[in-house]
Amino acid sequence: MSATDPAAPRCPDCGAELDLSDATEAGDLADCPNCGATFELVSTAPIRLEPFVDEEK
């Protein structure tokens, strides 16, 4: 998706566009290139992201 695509997924924290490939599936992780936050892709239709918490730490 391009930077001008209004439907592009955005970081819930800072609003930067997230680069999700067409092969991305629910359960995959996405990192924000701007703020570094990590999100889990909960749903692909519609795209829904939730903050990722590493429970192994």
Protein backbone atom coordinates (compact mmCIF):
# COMPACT_ATOMS: atom_id res chain seq x y z
CA MET A 1 0.00 0.00 0.00
CA SER A 2 1.26 3.45 -0.81
CA ALA A 3 1.82 6.31 1.61
CA THR A 4 -1.17 8.13 0.12
CA ASP A 5 -3.58 5.20 0.51
CA PRO A 6 -6.22 6.22 3.09
CA ALA A 7 -7.04 2.53 3.69
CA ALA A 8 -3.44 1.71 4.62
CA PRO A 9 -3.11 0.26 8.13
CA ARG A 10 -1.81 2.78 10.65
CA CYS A 11 0.06 2.44 13.91
CA PRO A 12 -2.46 2.87 16.75
CA ASP A 13 0.24 4.65 18.80
CA CYS A 14 1.73 7.22 16.41
CA GLY A 15 -0.36 7.01 13.21
CA ALA A 16 2.51 5.99 10.90
CA GLU A 17 1.65 3.73 7.98
CA LEU A 18 2.42 0.06 8.63
CA ASP A 19 3.81 -2.04 5.80
CA LEU A 20 1.71 -5.21 5.86
CA SER A 21 2.21 -7.55 2.92
CA ASP A 22 -0.67 -9.33 1.24
CA ALA A 23 0.66 -12.55 2.77
CA THR A 24 0.16 -11.27 6.32
CA GLU A 25 -2.16 -13.49 8.35
CA ALA A 26 -3.97 -13.15 11.65
CA GLY A 27 -1.53 -13.84 14.47
CA ASP A 28 1.42 -12.22 12.66
CA LEU A 29 3.34 -9.39 14.31
CA ALA A 30 3.89 -5.95 12.79
CA ASP A 31 6.48 -3.40 13.92
CA CYS A 32 5.95 0.32 13.47
CA PRO A 33 8.83 1.82 11.48
CA ASN A 34 8.33 5.17 13.23
CA CYS A 35 7.90 4.49 16.97
CA GLY A 36 9.02 0.84 17.17
CA ALA A 37 5.83 -0.45 18.81
CA THR A 38 4.91 -4.06 18.04
CA PHE A 39 1.36 -5.12 17.28
CA GLU A 40 -0.36 -8.44 16.71
CA LEU A 41 -2.63 -8.65 13.70
CA VAL A 42 -5.85 -9.94 15.24
CA SER A 43 -7.99 -9.75 12.09
CA THR A 44 -7.28 -9.17 8.41
CA ALA A 45 -10.81 -8.26 7.28
CA PRO A 46 -11.11 -5.68 8.59
CA ILE A 47 -7.53 -5.09 9.69
CA ARG A 48 -7.40 -4.97 13.48
CA LEU A 49 -4.22 -4.58 15.51
CA GLU A 50 -3.69 -5.07 19.23
CA PRO A 51 -0.57 -4.20 21.25
CA PHE A 52 1.78 -7.19 21.48
CA VAL A 53 2.89 -8.16 24.97
CA ASP A 54 5.77 -10.60 25.16
CA GLU A 55 4.67 -12.83 28.04
CA GLU A 56 8.04 -14.62 28.12
CA LYS A 57 9.84 -11.60 29.58
